[in-house]
Amino acid sequence: MLPRDHRLRARARFRAVQSRGRRFAGRYVVARALQSRPGSPARIGFSVSEKIGEAVVRNRIKRRLREAARRCLPTLMSGWDVAVTARPSAVDAPFERLCEDVGRALRSVCTGEERKRGCAEQS
């Protein structure tokens, strides 16, 4: 589970990230990121559409996405709010591939120095 201070929970902020954030589209996820206050911990929120499946399927995808993001936290730059949206292909994705895609997404929405210090790929 993601630590409480790394969760993007406020609906208004989540919407702001989705509407104004930088976008990365991967095979299994779409990520958008918006800079927040400098020095604040990176916060990540997740969204899984009802189009993807029933509640059991959506919750399983969210759990897998949270774990993939949690593995990236030690190397993630502070000061970013990130909204991660699952694609339908995430349902059948092997966990290792999902981790790679989430890591790539978290790295790509950052710029310059942040890109070099992004999440290490999981092998």
PDB file of N, CA and C in Angstrom:
ATOM      1  N   MET A   1       0.836  -1.179   0.000  1.00  0.00           N
ATOM      2  CA  MET A   1       0.000   0.000   0.000  1.00  0.00           C
ATOM      3  C   MET A   1       0.885   1.248   0.000  1.00  0.00           C
ATOM      4  N   LEU A   2       0.419   2.254  -0.711  1.00  0.00           N
ATOM      5  CA  LEU A   2       1.145   3.522  -0.729  1.00  0.00           C
ATOM      6  C   LEU A   2       1.019   4.219   0.621  1.00  0.00           C
ATOM      7  N   PRO A   3       2.101   4.805   1.103  1.00  0.00           N
ATOM      8  CA  PRO A   3       2.007   5.587   2.337  1.00  0.00           C
ATOM      9  C   PRO A   3       1.014   6.739   2.152  1.00  0.00           C
ATOM     10  N   ARG A   4       0.363   7.119   3.228  1.00  0.00           N
ATOM     11  CA  ARG A   4      -0.701   8.127   3.175  1.00  0.00           C
ATOM     12  C   ARG A   4      -0.248   9.442   2.527  1.00  0.00           C
ATOM     13  N   ASP A   5       0.960   9.894   2.837  1.00  0.00           N
ATOM     14  CA  ASP A   5       1.408  11.181   2.285  1.00  0.00           C
ATOM     15  C   ASP A   5       1.765  11.103   0.799  1.00  0.00           C
ATOM     16  N   HIS A   6       1.741   9.915   0.206  1.00  0.00           N
ATOM     17  CA  HIS A   6       2.014   9.751  -1.227  1.00  0.00           C
ATOM     18  C   HIS A   6       0.744   9.469  -2.033  1.00  0.00           C
ATOM     19  N   ARG A   7      -0.412   9.614  -1.401  1.00  0.00           N
ATOM     20  CA  ARG A   7      -1.676   9.370  -2.101  1.00  0.00           C
ATOM     21  C   ARG A   7      -2.292  10.692  -2.546  1.00  0.00           C
ATOM     22  N   LEU A   8      -2.727  10.726  -3.782  1.00  0.00           N
ATOM     23  CA  LEU A   8      -3.443  11.886  -4.316  1.00  0.00           C
ATOM     24  C   LEU A   8      -4.924  11.609  -4.114  1.00  0.00           C
ATOM     25  N   ARG A   9      -5.520  12.282  -3.124  1.00  0.00           N
ATOM     26  CA  ARG A   9      -6.882  11.946  -2.724  1.00  0.00           C
ATOM     27  C   ARG A   9      -7.908  13.040  -3.019  1.00  0.00           C
ATOM     28  N   ALA A  10      -7.505  14.274  -3.034  1.00  0.00           N
ATOM     29  CA  ALA A  10      -8.455  15.373  -3.242  1.00  0.00           C
ATOM     30  C   ALA A  10      -8.973  15.374  -4.678  1.00  0.00           C
ATOM     31  N   ARG A  11     -10.283  15.302  -4.820  1.00  0.00           N
ATOM     32  CA  ARG A  11     -10.904  15.237  -6.145  1.00  0.00           C
ATOM     33  C   ARG A  11     -10.527  16.440  -7.007  1.00  0.00           C
ATOM     34  N   ALA A  12     -10.512  17.634  -6.426  1.00  0.00           N
ATOM     35  CA  ALA A  12     -10.194  18.843  -7.188  1.00  0.00           C
ATOM     36  C   ALA A  12      -8.771  18.774  -7.742  1.00  0.00           C
ATOM     37  N   ARG A  13      -7.840  18.312  -6.920  1.00  0.00           N
ATOM     38  CA  ARG A  13      -6.451  18.225  -7.379  1.00  0.00           C
ATOM     39  C   ARG A  13      -6.302  17.126  -8.438  1.00  0.00           C
ATOM     40  N   PHE A  14      -7.000  16.012  -8.245  1.00  0.00           N
ATOM     41  CA  PHE A  14      -6.965  14.915  -9.216  1.00  0.00           C
ATOM     42  C   PHE A  14      -7.473  15.412 -10.574  1.00  0.00           C
ATOM     43  N   ARG A  15      -8.575  16.156 -10.557  1.00  0.00           N
ATOM     44  CA  ARG A  15      -9.121  16.707 -11.807  1.00  0.00           C
ATOM     45  C   ARG A  15      -8.159  17.701 -12.449  1.00  0.00           C
ATOM     46  N   ALA A  16      -7.503  18.524 -11.628  1.00  0.00           N
ATOM     47  CA  ALA A  16      -6.543  19.499 -12.156  1.00  0.00           C
ATOM     48  C   ALA A  16      -5.386  18.786 -12.842  1.00  0.00           C
ATOM     49  N   VAL A  17      -4.897  17.715 -12.237  1.00  0.00           N
ATOM     50  CA  VAL A  17      -3.803  16.947 -12.838  1.00  0.00           C
ATOM     51  C   VAL A  17      -4.267  16.341 -14.160  1.00  0.00           C
ATOM     52  N   GLN A  18      -5.470  15.783 -14.183  1.00  0.00           N
ATOM     53  CA  GLN A  18      -5.961  15.160 -15.409  1.00  0.00           C
ATOM     54  C   GLN A  18      -6.207  16.166 -16.523  1.00  0.00           C
ATOM     55  N   SER A  19      -6.606  17.369 -16.184  1.00  0.00           N
ATOM     56  CA  SER A  19      -6.916  18.343 -17.231  1.00  0.00           C
ATOM     57  C   SER A  19      -5.704  19.158 -17.679  1.00  0.00           C
ATOM     58  N   ARG A  20      -4.772  19.452 -16.761  1.00  0.00           N
ATOM     59  CA  ARG A  20      -3.654  20.328 -17.109  1.00  0.00           C
ATOM     60  C   ARG A  20      -2.287  19.657 -17.087  1.00  0.00           C
ATOM     61  N   GLY A  21      -2.224  18.401 -16.682  1.00  0.00           N
ATOM     62  CA  GLY A  21      -0.932  17.746 -16.507  1.00  0.00           C
ATOM     63  C   GLY A  21      -0.281  17.285 -17.793  1.00  0.00           C
ATOM     64  N   ARG A  22       1.020  17.048 -17.710  1.00  0.00           N
ATOM     65  CA  ARG A  22       1.772  16.470 -18.822  1.00  0.00           C
ATOM     66  C   ARG A  22       1.303  15.045 -19.014  1.00  0.00           C
ATOM     67  N   ARG A  23       1.285  14.550 -20.235  1.00  0.00           N
ATOM     68  CA  ARG A  23       0.683  13.256 -20.522  1.00  0.00           C
ATOM     69  C   ARG A  23       1.704  12.267 -21.055  1.00  0.00           C
ATOM     70  N   PHE A  24       1.592  11.027 -20.585  1.00  0.00           N
ATOM     71  CA  PHE A  24       2.356   9.905 -21.129  1.00  0.00           C
ATOM     72  C   PHE A  24       1.379   8.761 -21.350  1.00  0.00           C
ATOM     73  N   ALA A  25       1.380   8.207 -22.546  1.00  0.00           N
ATOM     74  CA  ALA A  25       0.517   7.063 -22.841  1.00  0.00           C
ATOM     75  C   ALA A  25       1.386   5.841 -23.070  1.00  0.00           C
ATOM     76  N   GLY A  26       1.227   4.857 -22.211  1.00  0.00           N
ATOM     77  CA  GLY A  26       1.946   3.593 -22.345  1.00  0.00           C
ATOM     78  C   GLY A  26       1.010   2.508 -22.834  1.00  0.00           C
ATOM     79  N   ARG A  27       1.502   1.304 -22.839  1.00  0.00           N
ATOM     80  CA  ARG A  27       0.694   0.177 -23.302  1.00  0.00           C
ATOM     81  C   ARG A  27      -0.433  -0.160 -22.327  1.00  0.00           C
ATOM     82  N   TYR A  28      -0.168  -0.029 -21.028  1.00  0.00           N
ATOM     83  CA  TYR A  28      -1.137  -0.427 -20.009  1.00  0.00           C
ATOM     84  C   TYR A  28      -1.713   0.727 -19.198  1.00  0.00           C
ATOM     85  N   VAL A  29      -1.043   1.872 -19.196  1.00  0.00           N
ATOM     86  CA  VAL A  29      -1.504   3.019 -18.409  1.00  0.00           C
ATOM     87  C   VAL A  29      -1.334   4.324 -19.170  1.00  0.00           C
ATOM     88  N   VAL A  30      -2.114   5.315 -18.760  1.00  0.00           N
ATOM     89  CA  VAL A  30      -1.933   6.693 -19.195  1.00  0.00           C
ATOM     90  C   VAL A  30      -1.656   7.479 -17.928  1.00  0.00           C
ATOM     91  N   ALA A  31      -0.577   8.233 -17.908  1.00  0.00           N
ATOM     92  CA  ALA A  31      -0.213   9.007 -16.725  1.00  0.00           C
ATOM     93  C   ALA A  31      -0.193  10.489 -17.076  1.00  0.00           C
ATOM     94  N   ARG A  32      -0.662  11.281 -16.132  1.00  0.00           N
ATOM     95  CA  ARG A  32      -0.587  12.736 -16.252  1.00  0.00           C
ATOM     96  C   ARG A  32       0.025  13.261 -14.966  1.00  0.00           C
ATOM     97  N   ALA A  33       0.885  14.272 -15.097  1.00  0.00           N
ATOM     98  CA  ALA A  33       1.555  14.815 -13.911  1.00  0.00           C
ATOM     99  C   ALA A  33       1.564  16.335 -13.955  1.00  0.00           C
ATOM    100  N   LEU A  34       1.453  16.913 -12.778  1.00  0.00           N
ATOM    101  CA  LEU A  34       1.447  18.354 -12.618  1.00  0.00           C
ATOM    102  C   LEU A  34       2.319  18.668 -11.406  1.00  0.00           C
ATOM    103  N   GLN A  35       3.166  19.682 -11.540  1.00  0.00           N
ATOM    104  CA  GLN A  35       4.009  20.041 -10.402  1.00  0.00           C
ATOM    105  C   GLN A  35       3.157  20.607  -9.284  1.00  0.00           C
ATOM    106  N   SER A  36       3.512  20.213  -8.066  1.00  0.00           N
ATOM    107  CA  SER A  36       2.829  20.743  -6.886  1.00  0.00           C
ATOM    108  C   SER A  36       3.829  21.604  -6.127  1.00  0.00           C
ATOM    109  N   ARG A  37       3.629  21.760  -4.833  1.00  0.00           N
ATOM    110  CA  ARG A  37       4.547  22.590  -4.044  1.00  0.00           C
ATOM    111  C   ARG A  37       5.929  21.947  -4.001  1.00  0.00           C
ATOM    112  N   PRO A  38       6.984  22.739  -4.183  1.00  0.00           N
ATOM    113  CA  PRO A  38       8.341  22.193  -4.073  1.00  0.00           C
ATOM    114  C   PRO A  38       8.584  21.623  -2.675  1.00  0.00           C
ATOM    115  N   GLY A  39       9.217  20.483  -2.620  1.00  0.00           N
ATOM    116  CA  GLY A  39       9.530  19.862  -1.346  1.00  0.00           C
ATOM    117  C   GLY A  39       8.433  18.961  -0.808  1.00  0.00           C
ATOM    118  N   SER A  40       7.240  19.047  -1.374  1.00  0.00           N
ATOM    119  CA  SER A  40       6.165  18.165  -0.912  1.00  0.00           C
ATOM    120  C   SER A  40       6.380  16.775  -1.526  1.00  0.00           C
ATOM    121  N   PRO A  41       5.947  15.726  -0.851  1.00  0.00           N
ATOM    122  CA  PRO A  41       6.163  14.388  -1.403  1.00  0.00           C
ATOM    123  C   PRO A  41       5.360  14.182  -2.683  1.00  0.00           C
ATOM    124  N   ALA A  42       5.889  13.360  -3.574  1.00  0.00           N
ATOM    125  CA  ALA A  42       5.162  13.014  -4.791  1.00  0.00           C
ATOM    126  C   ALA A  42       3.891  12.281  -4.389  1.00  0.00           C
ATOM    127  N   ARG A  43       2.770  12.657  -5.016  1.00  0.00           N
ATOM    128  CA  ARG A  43       1.494  12.014  -4.711  1.00  0.00           C
ATOM    129  C   ARG A  43       0.956  11.365  -5.981  1.00  0.00           C
ATOM    130  N   ILE A  44       0.422  10.159  -5.828  1.00  0.00           N
ATOM    131  CA  ILE A  44      -0.054   9.394  -6.976  1.00  0.00           C
ATOM    132  C   ILE A  44      -1.491   8.963  -6.719  1.00  0.00           C
ATOM    133  N   GLY A  45      -2.351   9.166  -7.731  1.00  0.00           N
ATOM    134  CA  GLY A  45      -3.735   8.727  -7.674  1.00  0.00           C
ATOM    135  C   GLY A  45      -4.017   7.787  -8.830  1.00  0.00           C
ATOM    136  N   PHE A  46      -5.009   6.945  -8.667  1.00  0.00           N
ATOM    137  CA  PHE A  46      -5.313   5.924  -9.675  1.00  0.00           C
ATOM    138  C   PHE A  46      -6.771   5.987 -10.075  1.00  0.00           C
ATOM    139  N   SER A  47      -7.018   5.697 -11.354  1.00  0.00           N
ATOM    140  CA  SER A  47      -8.367   5.688 -11.883  1.00  0.00           C
ATOM    141  C   SER A  47      -8.513   4.483 -12.806  1.00  0.00           C
ATOM    142  N   VAL A  48      -9.617   3.740 -12.603  1.00  0.00           N
ATOM    143  CA  VAL A  48      -9.920   2.598 -13.464  1.00  0.00           C
ATOM    144  C   VAL A  48     -11.384   2.720 -13.863  1.00  0.00           C
ATOM    145  N   SER A  49     -11.631   2.845 -15.148  1.00  0.00           N
ATOM    146  CA  SER A  49     -12.979   3.063 -15.661  1.00  0.00           C
ATOM    147  C   SER A  49     -13.857   1.826 -15.503  1.00  0.00           C
ATOM    148  N   GLU A  50     -15.160   2.062 -15.391  1.00  0.00           N
ATOM    149  CA  GLU A  50     -16.109   0.954 -15.335  1.00  0.00           C
ATOM    150  C   GLU A  50     -16.124   0.163 -16.640  1.00  0.00           C
ATOM    151  N   LYS A  51     -15.647   0.773 -17.727  1.00  0.00           N
ATOM    152  CA  LYS A  51     -15.582   0.084 -19.014  1.00  0.00           C
ATOM    153  C   LYS A  51     -14.630  -1.109 -18.971  1.00  0.00           C
ATOM    154  N   ILE A  52     -13.702  -1.080 -18.042  1.00  0.00           N
ATOM    155  CA  ILE A  52     -12.686  -2.130 -17.962  1.00  0.00           C
ATOM    156  C   ILE A  52     -13.245  -3.423 -17.390  1.00  0.00           C
ATOM    157  N   GLY A  53     -14.211  -3.332 -16.509  1.00  0.00           N
ATOM    158  CA  GLY A  53     -14.774  -4.545 -15.944  1.00  0.00           C
ATOM    159  C   GLY A  53     -15.560  -4.259 -14.686  1.00  0.00           C
ATOM    160  N   GLU A  54     -16.014  -5.333 -14.056  1.00  0.00           N
ATOM    161  CA  GLU A  54     -16.778  -5.167 -12.824  1.00  0.00           C
ATOM    162  C   GLU A  54     -15.837  -4.818 -11.672  1.00  0.00           C
ATOM    163  N   ALA A  55     -16.409  -4.569 -10.508  1.00  0.00           N
ATOM    164  CA  ALA A  55     -15.662  -4.048  -9.362  1.00  0.00           C
ATOM    165  C   ALA A  55     -14.471  -4.918  -8.980  1.00  0.00           C
ATOM    166  N   VAL A  56     -14.633  -6.229  -9.017  1.00  0.00           N
ATOM    167  CA  VAL A  56     -13.539  -7.128  -8.625  1.00  0.00           C
ATOM    168  C   VAL A  56     -12.333  -6.926  -9.538  1.00  0.00           C
ATOM    169  N   VAL A  57     -12.588  -6.803 -10.829  1.00  0.00           N
ATOM    170  CA  VAL A  57     -11.513  -6.614 -11.810  1.00  0.00           C
ATOM    171  C   VAL A  57     -10.864  -5.245 -11.617  1.00  0.00           C
ATOM    172  N   ARG A  58     -11.683  -4.210 -11.461  1.00  0.00           N
ATOM    173  CA  ARG A  58     -11.140  -2.858 -11.285  1.00  0.00           C
ATOM    174  C   ARG A  58     -10.296  -2.754 -10.018  1.00  0.00           C
ATOM    175  N   ASN A  59     -10.766  -3.340  -8.932  1.00  0.00           N
ATOM    176  CA  ASN A  59     -10.009  -3.283  -7.684  1.00  0.00           C
ATOM    177  C   ASN A  59      -8.699  -4.049  -7.783  1.00  0.00           C
ATOM    178  N   ARG A  60      -8.690  -5.178  -8.484  1.00  0.00           N
ATOM    179  CA  ARG A  60      -7.448  -5.928  -8.670  1.00  0.00           C
ATOM    180  C   ARG A  60      -6.436  -5.105  -9.458  1.00  0.00           C
ATOM    181  N   ILE A  61      -6.898  -4.420 -10.494  1.00  0.00           N
ATOM    182  CA  ILE A  61      -5.996  -3.574 -11.283  1.00  0.00           C
ATOM    183  C   ILE A  61      -5.442  -2.444 -10.415  1.00  0.00           C
ATOM    184  N   LYS A  62      -6.294  -1.816  -9.611  1.00  0.00           N
ATOM    185  CA  LYS A  62      -5.817  -0.730  -8.744  1.00  0.00           C
ATOM    186  C   LYS A  62      -4.784  -1.225  -7.744  1.00  0.00           C
ATOM    187  N   ARG A  63      -4.998  -2.403  -7.175  1.00  0.00           N
ATOM    188  CA  ARG A  63      -4.005  -2.963  -6.243  1.00  0.00           C
ATOM    189  C   ARG A  63      -2.672  -3.190  -6.939  1.00  0.00           C
ATOM    190  N   ARG A  64      -2.709  -3.717  -8.146  1.00  0.00           N
ATOM    191  CA  ARG A  64      -1.476  -3.984  -8.889  1.00  0.00           C
ATOM    192  C   ARG A  64      -0.768  -2.679  -9.256  1.00  0.00           C
ATOM    193  N   LEU A  65      -1.539  -1.661  -9.660  1.00  0.00           N
ATOM    194  CA  LEU A  65      -0.950  -0.362  -9.993  1.00  0.00           C
ATOM    195  C   LEU A  65      -0.326   0.295  -8.765  1.00  0.00           C
ATOM    196  N   ARG A  66      -1.013   0.217  -7.620  1.00  0.00           N
ATOM    197  CA  ARG A  66      -0.460   0.791  -6.387  1.00  0.00           C
ATOM    198  C   ARG A  66       0.859   0.134  -6.010  1.00  0.00           C
ATOM    199  N   GLU A  67       0.934  -1.179  -6.140  1.00  0.00           N
ATOM    200  CA  GLU A  67       2.175  -1.882  -5.804  1.00  0.00           C
ATOM    201  C   GLU A  67       3.291  -1.496  -6.766  1.00  0.00           C
ATOM    202  N   ALA A  68       2.983  -1.394  -8.041  1.00  0.00           N
ATOM    203  CA  ALA A  68       3.994  -0.985  -9.017  1.00  0.00           C
ATOM    204  C   ALA A  68       4.507   0.419  -8.697  1.00  0.00           C
ATOM    205  N   ALA A  69       3.599   1.337  -8.343  1.00  0.00           N
ATOM    206  CA  ALA A  69       4.005   2.705  -7.995  1.00  0.00           C
ATOM    207  C   ALA A  69       4.788   2.724  -6.688  1.00  0.00           C
ATOM    208  N   ARG A  70       4.384   1.901  -5.712  1.00  0.00           N
ATOM    209  CA  ARG A  70       5.082   1.858  -4.429  1.00  0.00           C
ATOM    210  C   ARG A  70       6.543   1.467  -4.622  1.00  0.00           C
ATOM    211  N   ARG A  71       6.801   0.561  -5.544  1.00  0.00           N
ATOM    212  CA  ARG A  71       8.184   0.146  -5.809  1.00  0.00           C
ATOM    213  C   ARG A  71       9.025   1.279  -6.384  1.00  0.00           C
ATOM    214  N   CYS A  72       8.383   2.264  -6.978  1.00  0.00           N
ATOM    215  CA  CYS A  72       9.102   3.397  -7.571  1.00  0.00           C
ATOM    216  C   CYS A  72       9.312   4.560  -6.604  1.00  0.00           C
ATOM    217  N   LEU A  73       8.609   4.569  -5.495  1.00  0.00           N
ATOM    218  CA  LEU A  73       8.654   5.716  -4.573  1.00  0.00           C
ATOM    219  C   LEU A  73      10.053   6.132  -4.131  1.00  0.00           C
ATOM    220  N   PRO A  74      10.964   5.202  -3.802  1.00  0.00           N
ATOM    221  CA  PRO A  74      12.274   5.653  -3.309  1.00  0.00           C
ATOM    222  C   PRO A  74      13.036   6.530  -4.294  1.00  0.00           C
ATOM    223  N   THR A  75      12.779   6.374  -5.580  1.00  0.00           N
ATOM    224  CA  THR A  75      13.527   7.143  -6.567  1.00  0.00           C
ATOM    225  C   THR A  75      12.701   8.240  -7.220  1.00  0.00           C
ATOM    226  N   LEU A  76      11.447   8.381  -6.830  1.00  0.00           N
ATOM    227  CA  LEU A  76      10.567   9.368  -7.444  1.00  0.00           C
ATOM    228  C   LEU A  76      10.849  10.755  -6.875  1.00  0.00           C
ATOM    229  N   MET A  77      10.919  11.732  -7.747  1.00  0.00           N
ATOM    230  CA  MET A  77      11.182  13.109  -7.328  1.00  0.00           C
ATOM    231  C   MET A  77       9.985  13.674  -6.573  1.00  0.00           C
ATOM    232  N   SER A  78      10.270  14.516  -5.589  1.00  0.00           N
ATOM    233  CA  SER A  78       9.191  15.161  -4.839  1.00  0.00           C
ATOM    234  C   SER A  78       8.645  16.334  -5.650  1.00  0.00           C
ATOM    235  N   GLY A  79       7.489  16.810  -5.224  1.00  0.00           N
ATOM    236  CA  GLY A  79       6.905  17.983  -5.863  1.00  0.00           C
ATOM    237  C   GLY A  79       6.047  17.695  -7.080  1.00  0.00           C
ATOM    238  N   TRP A  80       5.596  16.473  -7.267  1.00  0.00           N
ATOM    239  CA  TRP A  80       4.760  16.114  -8.410  1.00  0.00           C
ATOM    240  C   TRP A  80       3.492  15.430  -7.942  1.00  0.00           C
ATOM    241  N   ASP A  81       2.381  15.744  -8.595  1.00  0.00           N
ATOM    242  CA  ASP A  81       1.135  15.018  -8.425  1.00  0.00           C
ATOM    243  C   ASP A  81       0.899  14.260  -9.722  1.00  0.00           C
ATOM    244  N   VAL A  82       0.636  12.969  -9.609  1.00  0.00           N
ATOM    245  CA  VAL A  82       0.492  12.118 -10.788  1.00  0.00           C
ATOM    246  C   VAL A  82      -0.839  11.383 -10.734  1.00  0.00           C
ATOM    247  N   ALA A  83      -1.577  11.401 -11.845  1.00  0.00           N
ATOM    248  CA  ALA A  83      -2.815  10.634 -11.982  1.00  0.00           C
ATOM    249  C   ALA A  83      -2.552   9.520 -12.990  1.00  0.00           C
ATOM    250  N   VAL A  84      -2.737   8.282 -12.562  1.00  0.00           N
ATOM    251  CA  VAL A  84      -2.493   7.116 -13.427  1.00  0.00           C
ATOM    252  C   VAL A  84      -3.840   6.483 -13.758  1.00  0.00           C
ATOM    253  N   THR A  85      -4.132   6.350 -15.039  1.00  0.00           N
ATOM    254  CA  THR A  85      -5.375   5.744 -15.502  1.00  0.00           C
ATOM    255  C   THR A  85      -5.050   4.439 -16.216  1.00  0.00           C
ATOM    256  N   ALA A  86      -5.732   3.366 -15.820  1.00  0.00           N
ATOM    257  CA  ALA A  86      -5.496   2.058 -16.419  1.00  0.00           C
ATOM    258  C   ALA A  86      -6.178   1.968 -17.781  1.00  0.00           C
ATOM    259  N   ARG A  87      -5.516   1.298 -18.705  1.00  0.00           N
ATOM    260  CA  ARG A  87      -6.104   0.983 -20.002  1.00  0.00           C
ATOM    261  C   ARG A  87      -6.690  -0.421 -19.936  1.00  0.00           C
ATOM    262  N   PRO A  88      -7.597  -0.758 -20.837  1.00  0.00           N
ATOM    263  CA  PRO A  88      -8.179  -2.109 -20.823  1.00  0.00           C
ATOM    264  C   PRO A  88      -7.142  -3.222 -20.924  1.00  0.00           C
ATOM    265  N   SER A  89      -6.030  -2.965 -21.569  1.00  0.00           N
ATOM    266  CA  SER A  89      -4.988  -3.989 -21.708  1.00  0.00           C
ATOM    267  C   SER A  89      -4.336  -4.332 -20.370  1.00  0.00           C
ATOM    268  N   ALA A  90      -4.517  -3.502 -19.338  1.00  0.00           N
ATOM    269  CA  ALA A  90      -3.923  -3.761 -18.023  1.00  0.00           C
ATOM    270  C   ALA A  90      -4.545  -4.973 -17.343  1.00  0.00           C
ATOM    271  N   VAL A  91      -5.739  -5.358 -17.756  1.00  0.00           N
ATOM    272  CA  VAL A  91      -6.431  -6.491 -17.131  1.00  0.00           C
ATOM    273  C   VAL A  91      -5.608  -7.771 -17.249  1.00  0.00           C
ATOM    274  N   ASP A  92      -5.068  -8.034 -18.418  1.00  0.00           N
ATOM    275  CA  ASP A  92      -4.345  -9.283 -18.668  1.00  0.00           C
ATOM    276  C   ASP A  92      -2.830  -9.116 -18.659  1.00  0.00           C
ATOM    277  N   ALA A  93      -2.346  -7.947 -18.254  1.00  0.00           N
ATOM    278  CA  ALA A  93      -0.911  -7.675 -18.300  1.00  0.00           C
ATOM    279  C   ALA A  93      -0.169  -8.450 -17.217  1.00  0.00           C
ATOM    280  N   PRO A  94       0.973  -9.062 -17.572  1.00  0.00           N
ATOM    281  CA  PRO A  94       1.817  -9.667 -16.535  1.00  0.00           C
ATOM    282  C   PRO A  94       2.323  -8.561 -15.598  1.00  0.00           C
ATOM    283  N   PHE A  95       2.443  -8.885 -14.317  1.00  0.00           N
ATOM    284  CA  PHE A  95       2.805  -7.862 -13.337  1.00  0.00           C
ATOM    285  C   PHE A  95       4.132  -7.183 -13.662  1.00  0.00           C
ATOM    286  N   GLU A  96       5.122  -7.937 -14.129  1.00  0.00           N
ATOM    287  CA  GLU A  96       6.428  -7.351 -14.443  1.00  0.00           C
ATOM    288  C   GLU A  96       6.295  -6.299 -15.540  1.00  0.00           C
ATOM    289  N   ARG A  97       5.487  -6.575 -16.558  1.00  0.00           N
ATOM    290  CA  ARG A  97       5.282  -5.612 -17.651  1.00  0.00           C
ATOM    291  C   ARG A  97       4.527  -4.379 -17.151  1.00  0.00           C
ATOM    292  N   LEU A  98       3.575  -4.608 -16.275  1.00  0.00           N
ATOM    293  CA  LEU A  98       2.832  -3.492 -15.706  1.00  0.00           C
ATOM    294  C   LEU A  98       3.769  -2.586 -14.905  1.00  0.00           C
ATOM    295  N   CYS A  99       4.673  -3.190 -14.126  1.00  0.00           N
ATOM    296  CA  CYS A  99       5.664  -2.411 -13.369  1.00  0.00           C
ATOM    297  C   CYS A  99       6.547  -1.593 -14.297  1.00  0.00           C
ATOM    298  N   GLU A 100       6.985  -2.196 -15.385  1.00  0.00           N
ATOM    299  CA  GLU A 100       7.830  -1.475 -16.346  1.00  0.00           C
ATOM    300  C   GLU A 100       7.081  -0.291 -16.937  1.00  0.00           C
ATOM    301  N   ASP A 101       5.823  -0.503 -17.297  1.00  0.00           N
ATOM    302  CA  ASP A 101       5.036   0.557 -17.906  1.00  0.00           C
ATOM    303  C   ASP A 101       4.774   1.697 -16.923  1.00  0.00           C
ATOM    304  N   VAL A 102       4.438   1.355 -15.685  1.00  0.00           N
ATOM    305  CA  VAL A 102       4.213   2.388 -14.665  1.00  0.00           C
ATOM    306  C   VAL A 102       5.515   3.149 -14.411  1.00  0.00           C
ATOM    307  N   GLY A 103       6.638   2.440 -14.314  1.00  0.00           N
ATOM    308  CA  GLY A 103       7.929   3.091 -14.110  1.00  0.00           C
ATOM    309  C   GLY A 103       8.268   4.044 -15.239  1.00  0.00           C
ATOM    310  N   ARG A 104       8.041   3.599 -16.471  1.00  0.00           N
ATOM    311  CA  ARG A 104       8.284   4.443 -17.639  1.00  0.00           C
ATOM    312  C   ARG A 104       7.373   5.670 -17.600  1.00  0.00           C
ATOM    313  N   ALA A 105       6.126   5.473 -17.219  1.00  0.00           N
ATOM    314  CA  ALA A 105       5.172   6.586 -17.160  1.00  0.00           C
ATOM    315  C   ALA A 105       5.598   7.612 -16.114  1.00  0.00           C
ATOM    316  N   LEU A 106       5.981   7.133 -14.930  1.00  0.00           N
ATOM    317  CA  LEU A 106       6.385   8.057 -13.872  1.00  0.00           C
ATOM    318  C   LEU A 106       7.649   8.820 -14.248  1.00  0.00           C
ATOM    319  N   ARG A 107       8.567   8.175 -14.963  1.00  0.00           N
ATOM    320  CA  ARG A 107       9.782   8.859 -15.415  1.00  0.00           C
ATOM    321  C   ARG A 107       9.483   9.891 -16.490  1.00  0.00           C
ATOM    322  N   SER A 108       8.630   9.538 -17.433  1.00  0.00           N
ATOM    323  CA  SER A 108       8.446  10.394 -18.602  1.00  0.00           C
ATOM    324  C   SER A 108       7.668  11.672 -18.305  1.00  0.00           C
ATOM    325  N   VAL A 109       6.857  11.677 -17.272  1.00  0.00           N
ATOM    326  CA  VAL A 109       6.092  12.889 -16.988  1.00  0.00           C
ATOM    327  C   VAL A 109       6.922  13.931 -16.248  1.00  0.00           C
ATOM    328  N   CYS A 110       8.126  13.573 -15.848  1.00  0.00           N
ATOM    329  CA  CYS A 110       9.045  14.521 -15.223  1.00  0.00           C
ATOM    330  C   CYS A 110       9.965  15.090 -16.301  1.00  0.00           C
ATOM    331  N   THR A 111      10.661  16.155 -15.964  1.00  0.00           N
ATOM    332  CA  THR A 111      11.547  16.797 -16.936  1.00  0.00           C
ATOM    333  C   THR A 111      12.976  16.847 -16.422  1.00  0.00           C
ATOM    334  N   GLY A 112      13.917  17.018 -17.330  1.00  0.00           N
ATOM    335  CA  GLY A 112      15.324  17.247 -16.996  1.00  0.00           C
ATOM    336  C   GLY A 112      15.893  16.273 -15.994  1.00  0.00           C
ATOM    337  N   GLU A 113      16.338  16.806 -14.844  1.00  0.00           N
ATOM    338  CA  GLU A 113      16.974  16.009 -13.800  1.00  0.00           C
ATOM    339  C   GLU A 113      16.039  14.926 -13.274  1.00  0.00           C
ATOM    340  N   GLU A 114      14.753  15.243 -13.187  1.00  0.00           N
ATOM    341  CA  GLU A 114      13.788  14.280 -12.682  1.00  0.00           C
ATOM    342  C   GLU A 114      13.753  13.035 -13.555  1.00  0.00           C
ATOM    343  N   ARG A 115      13.912  13.205 -14.850  1.00  0.00           N
ATOM    344  CA  ARG A 115      13.855  12.072 -15.761  1.00  0.00           C
ATOM    345  C   ARG A 115      14.990  11.100 -15.478  1.00  0.00           C
ATOM    346  N   LYS A 116      16.169  11.616 -15.157  1.00  0.00           N
ATOM    347  CA  LYS A 116      17.313  10.752 -14.859  1.00  0.00           C
ATOM    348  C   LYS A 116      17.121  10.027 -13.538  1.00  0.00           C
ATOM    349  N   ARG A 117      16.393  10.632 -12.586  1.00  0.00           N
ATOM    350  CA  ARG A 117      16.237  10.043 -11.267  1.00  0.00           C
ATOM    351  C   ARG A 117      14.913   9.326 -11.112  1.00  0.00           C
ATOM    352  N   GLY A 118      14.207   9.070 -12.211  1.00  0.00           N
ATOM    353  CA  GLY A 118      12.905   8.425 -12.138  1.00  0.00           C
ATOM    354  C   GLY A 118      12.977   7.005 -11.610  1.00  0.00           C
ATOM    355  N   CYS A 119      11.882   6.321 -11.639  1.00  0.00           N
ATOM    356  CA  CYS A 119      11.778   4.973 -11.099  1.00  0.00           C
ATOM    357  C   CYS A 119      12.627   4.007 -11.900  1.00  0.00           C
ATOM    358  N   ALA A 120      13.390   3.199 -11.206  1.00  0.00           N
ATOM    359  CA  ALA A 120      14.190   2.165 -11.864  1.00  0.00           C
ATOM    360  C   ALA A 120      13.264   1.068 -12.365  1.00  0.00           C
ATOM    361  N   GLU A 121      13.564   0.522 -13.518  1.00  0.00           N
ATOM    362  CA  GLU A 121      12.750  -0.559 -14.057  1.00  0.00           C
ATOM    363  C   GLU A 121      12.835  -1.772 -13.186  1.00  0.00           C
ATOM    364  N   GLN A 122      11.730  -2.435 -12.998  1.00  0.00           N
ATOM    365  CA  GLN A 122      11.690  -3.668 -12.214  1.00  0.00           C
ATOM    366  C   GLN A 122      12.019  -4.836 -13.132  1.00  0.00           C
ATOM    367  N   SER A 123      12.884  -5.728 -12.689  1.00  0.00           N
ATOM    368  CA  SER A 123      13.185  -6.887 -13.530  1.00  0.00           C
ATOM    369  C   SER A 123      12.784  -8.159 -12.863  1.00  0.00           C
TER     370      SER A 123
END
